[in-house]
Amino acid sequence: MNPDLLLVIGIVLAVLSVPSMLSAFADRRTPRVAALVAIIAGCMIVWAFREQPGGYTIKEIPEVFVRVAAEFI
């Protein structure tokens, strides 16, 4: 799998898991699904960093989002 795609999916999942966790904590529920999604997102991000030769820098992340979006358009 393309490391750029892994990174983008991982970041999107991580961002989406935050509101789910906050909602679960506000309702005094255990955030099981949100925690699972956050763990999967973290694994995808680590996998992307390990697969990409030289890794990624913070400056490259917006470019990665554009490259992945351009692949689908």
N, C-alpha and C. Protein backbone atom coordinates (compact mmCIF):
# COMPACT_ATOMS: atom_id res chain seq x y z
N MET A 1 0.84 -1.18 0.00
CA MET A 1 0.00 0.00 0.00
C MET A 1 0.89 1.24 0.00
N ASN A 2 0.44 2.27 -0.66
CA ASN A 2 1.17 3.52 -0.80
C ASN A 2 1.33 4.19 0.58
N PRO A 3 2.56 4.54 0.98
CA PRO A 3 2.73 5.18 2.29
C PRO A 3 2.01 6.52 2.41
N ASP A 4 1.91 7.25 1.30
CA ASP A 4 1.19 8.52 1.35
C ASP A 4 -0.28 8.29 1.70
N LEU A 5 -0.89 7.30 1.08
CA LEU A 5 -2.28 6.98 1.35
C LEU A 5 -2.46 6.51 2.80
N LEU A 6 -1.54 5.70 3.28
CA LEU A 6 -1.59 5.25 4.67
C LEU A 6 -1.53 6.43 5.63
N LEU A 7 -0.66 7.38 5.35
CA LEU A 7 -0.52 8.54 6.22
C LEU A 7 -1.79 9.37 6.24
N VAL A 8 -2.35 9.62 5.07
CA VAL A 8 -3.56 10.44 4.99
C VAL A 8 -4.73 9.76 5.69
N ILE A 9 -4.93 8.48 5.43
CA ILE A 9 -6.02 7.76 6.09
C ILE A 9 -5.81 7.73 7.60
N GLY A 10 -4.58 7.51 8.03
CA GLY A 10 -4.29 7.49 9.46
C GLY A 10 -4.57 8.82 10.13
N ILE A 11 -4.17 9.91 9.50
CA ILE A 11 -4.42 11.23 10.08
C ILE A 11 -5.91 11.54 10.12
N VAL A 12 -6.63 11.21 9.05
CA VAL A 12 -8.07 11.46 9.02
C VAL A 12 -8.78 10.64 10.11
N LEU A 13 -8.41 9.37 10.25
CA LEU A 13 -9.02 8.55 11.30
C LEU A 13 -8.70 9.09 12.68
N ALA A 14 -7.48 9.54 12.88
CA ALA A 14 -7.09 10.09 14.19
C ALA A 14 -7.91 11.34 14.52
N VAL A 15 -8.08 12.19 13.53
CA VAL A 15 -8.87 13.41 13.75
C VAL A 15 -10.32 13.08 14.04
N LEU A 16 -10.87 12.10 13.32
CA LEU A 16 -12.27 11.72 13.54
C LEU A 16 -12.50 10.99 14.85
N SER A 17 -11.47 10.39 15.40
CA SER A 17 -11.65 9.68 16.67
C SER A 17 -11.74 10.62 17.87
N VAL A 18 -11.20 11.82 17.74
CA VAL A 18 -11.20 12.77 18.86
C VAL A 18 -12.62 13.18 19.27
N PRO A 19 -13.49 13.62 18.34
CA PRO A 19 -14.85 13.96 18.78
C PRO A 19 -15.61 12.77 19.35
N SER A 20 -15.34 11.60 18.82
CA SER A 20 -16.00 10.41 19.34
C SER A 20 -15.56 10.13 20.78
N MET A 21 -14.28 10.31 21.05
CA MET A 21 -13.79 10.13 22.43
C MET A 21 -14.39 11.16 23.37
N LEU A 22 -14.40 12.41 22.93
CA LEU A 22 -14.96 13.47 23.77
C LEU A 22 -16.44 13.23 24.05
N SER A 23 -17.17 12.78 23.04
CA SER A 23 -18.59 12.48 23.22
C SER A 23 -18.79 11.35 24.22
N ALA A 24 -17.97 10.33 24.12
CA ALA A 24 -18.09 9.20 25.04
C ALA A 24 -17.77 9.63 26.47
N PHE A 25 -16.74 10.44 26.64
CA PHE A 25 -16.41 10.92 27.99
C PHE A 25 -17.50 11.82 28.54
N ALA A 26 -18.10 12.66 27.68
CA ALA A 26 -19.17 13.55 28.13
C ALA A 26 -20.40 12.76 28.58
N ASP A 27 -20.67 11.65 27.91
CA ASP A 27 -21.81 10.80 28.26
C ASP A 27 -21.46 9.77 29.33
N ARG A 28 -20.25 9.85 29.84
CA ARG A 28 -19.74 8.91 30.85
C ARG A 28 -19.82 7.46 30.38
N ARG A 29 -19.43 7.27 29.11
CA ARG A 29 -19.34 5.93 28.54
C ARG A 29 -17.86 5.63 28.29
N THR A 30 -17.56 4.37 28.13
CA THR A 30 -16.20 3.97 27.78
C THR A 30 -16.01 4.16 26.28
N PRO A 31 -14.98 4.88 25.86
CA PRO A 31 -14.79 5.14 24.42
C PRO A 31 -14.10 3.97 23.71
N ARG A 32 -14.74 2.83 23.68
CA ARG A 32 -14.11 1.63 23.11
C ARG A 32 -13.84 1.78 21.62
N VAL A 33 -14.87 2.15 20.87
CA VAL A 33 -14.70 2.25 19.41
C VAL A 33 -13.74 3.37 19.07
N ALA A 34 -13.86 4.50 19.74
CA ALA A 34 -12.96 5.62 19.48
C ALA A 34 -11.52 5.25 19.80
N ALA A 35 -11.31 4.51 20.87
CA ALA A 35 -9.96 4.08 21.22
C ALA A 35 -9.41 3.12 20.18
N LEU A 36 -10.25 2.21 19.71
CA LEU A 36 -9.82 1.27 18.67
C LEU A 36 -9.46 2.01 17.38
N VAL A 37 -10.28 2.97 17.00
CA VAL A 37 -10.00 3.76 15.79
C VAL A 37 -8.70 4.56 15.97
N ALA A 38 -8.48 5.11 17.14
CA ALA A 38 -7.26 5.87 17.40
C ALA A 38 -6.03 4.97 17.33
N ILE A 39 -6.14 3.75 17.85
CA ILE A 39 -5.02 2.81 17.78
C ILE A 39 -4.74 2.42 16.34
N ILE A 40 -5.79 2.14 15.58
CA ILE A 40 -5.61 1.79 14.16
C ILE A 40 -4.98 2.97 13.41
N ALA A 41 -5.44 4.18 13.69
CA ALA A 41 -4.88 5.37 13.05
C ALA A 41 -3.40 5.52 13.38
N GLY A 42 -3.05 5.33 14.64
CA GLY A 42 -1.65 5.42 15.04
C GLY A 42 -0.79 4.38 14.35
N CYS A 43 -1.31 3.17 14.24
CA CYS A 43 -0.57 2.11 13.55
C CYS A 43 -0.37 2.45 12.08
N MET A 44 -1.40 3.02 11.44
CA MET A 44 -1.27 3.39 10.03
C MET A 44 -0.24 4.50 9.84
N ILE A 45 -0.23 5.45 10.75
CA ILE A 45 0.74 6.55 10.65
C ILE A 45 2.16 6.03 10.85
N VAL A 46 2.36 5.17 11.83
CA VAL A 46 3.69 4.58 12.06
C VAL A 46 4.11 3.75 10.87
N TRP A 47 3.19 2.97 10.33
CA TRP A 47 3.48 2.14 9.16
C TRP A 47 3.90 3.02 7.98
N ALA A 48 3.20 4.14 7.77
CA ALA A 48 3.54 5.05 6.67
C ALA A 48 4.94 5.63 6.86
N PHE A 49 5.26 6.03 8.09
CA PHE A 49 6.59 6.58 8.36
C PHE A 49 7.68 5.54 8.15
N ARG A 50 7.40 4.30 8.48
CA ARG A 50 8.41 3.24 8.31
C ARG A 50 8.58 2.85 6.85
N GLU A 51 7.51 2.93 6.06
CA GLU A 51 7.58 2.54 4.65
C GLU A 51 8.20 3.62 3.77
N GLN A 52 8.04 4.88 4.16
CA GLN A 52 8.57 5.98 3.37
C GLN A 52 10.06 6.13 3.61
N PRO A 53 10.88 6.02 2.56
CA PRO A 53 12.32 6.20 2.75
C PRO A 53 12.62 7.63 3.24
N GLY A 54 13.26 7.74 4.37
CA GLY A 54 13.56 9.06 4.92
C GLY A 54 12.45 9.64 5.77
N GLY A 55 11.31 8.99 5.80
CA GLY A 55 10.18 9.47 6.60
C GLY A 55 9.53 10.71 6.01
N TYR A 56 8.77 11.40 6.82
CA TYR A 56 8.09 12.63 6.42
C TYR A 56 8.51 13.75 7.36
N THR A 57 8.45 14.97 6.84
CA THR A 57 8.62 16.14 7.69
C THR A 57 7.26 16.81 7.83
N ILE A 58 7.16 17.72 8.78
CA ILE A 58 5.90 18.44 8.99
C ILE A 58 5.52 19.23 7.73
N LYS A 59 6.51 19.79 7.05
CA LYS A 59 6.24 20.57 5.84
C LYS A 59 5.68 19.71 4.71
N GLU A 60 6.01 18.43 4.69
CA GLU A 60 5.57 17.56 3.60
C GLU A 60 4.13 17.07 3.75
N ILE A 61 3.57 17.13 4.93
CA ILE A 61 2.25 16.54 5.16
C ILE A 61 1.16 17.20 4.32
N PRO A 62 1.09 18.54 4.20
CA PRO A 62 0.08 19.11 3.29
C PRO A 62 0.27 18.67 1.84
N GLU A 63 1.53 18.55 1.41
CA GLU A 63 1.81 18.09 0.06
C GLU A 63 1.34 16.65 -0.14
N VAL A 64 1.47 15.84 0.89
CA VAL A 64 1.01 14.45 0.81
C VAL A 64 -0.50 14.42 0.63
N PHE A 65 -1.23 15.26 1.37
CA PHE A 65 -2.68 15.32 1.21
C PHE A 65 -3.06 15.70 -0.22
N VAL A 66 -2.34 16.66 -0.80
CA VAL A 66 -2.62 17.09 -2.17
C VAL A 66 -2.31 15.97 -3.15
N ARG A 67 -1.20 15.27 -2.97
CA ARG A 67 -0.85 14.16 -3.87
C ARG A 67 -1.89 13.06 -3.82
N VAL A 68 -2.35 12.73 -2.63
CA VAL A 68 -3.35 11.66 -2.50
C VAL A 68 -4.66 12.11 -3.13
N ALA A 69 -5.06 13.36 -2.90
CA ALA A 69 -6.30 13.86 -3.52
C ALA A 69 -6.17 13.88 -5.04
N ALA A 70 -4.99 14.24 -5.54
CA ALA A 70 -4.78 14.29 -6.99
C ALA A 70 -4.84 12.90 -7.61
N GLU A 71 -4.45 11.87 -6.87
CA GLU A 71 -4.52 10.52 -7.40
C GLU A 71 -5.96 10.08 -7.64
N PHE A 72 -6.88 10.58 -6.82
CA PHE A 72 -8.27 10.16 -6.93
C PHE A 72 -9.08 11.02 -7.89
N ILE A 73 -8.54 12.17 -8.27
CA ILE A 73 -9.29 13.06 -9.18
C ILE A 73 -8.94 12.78 -10.62
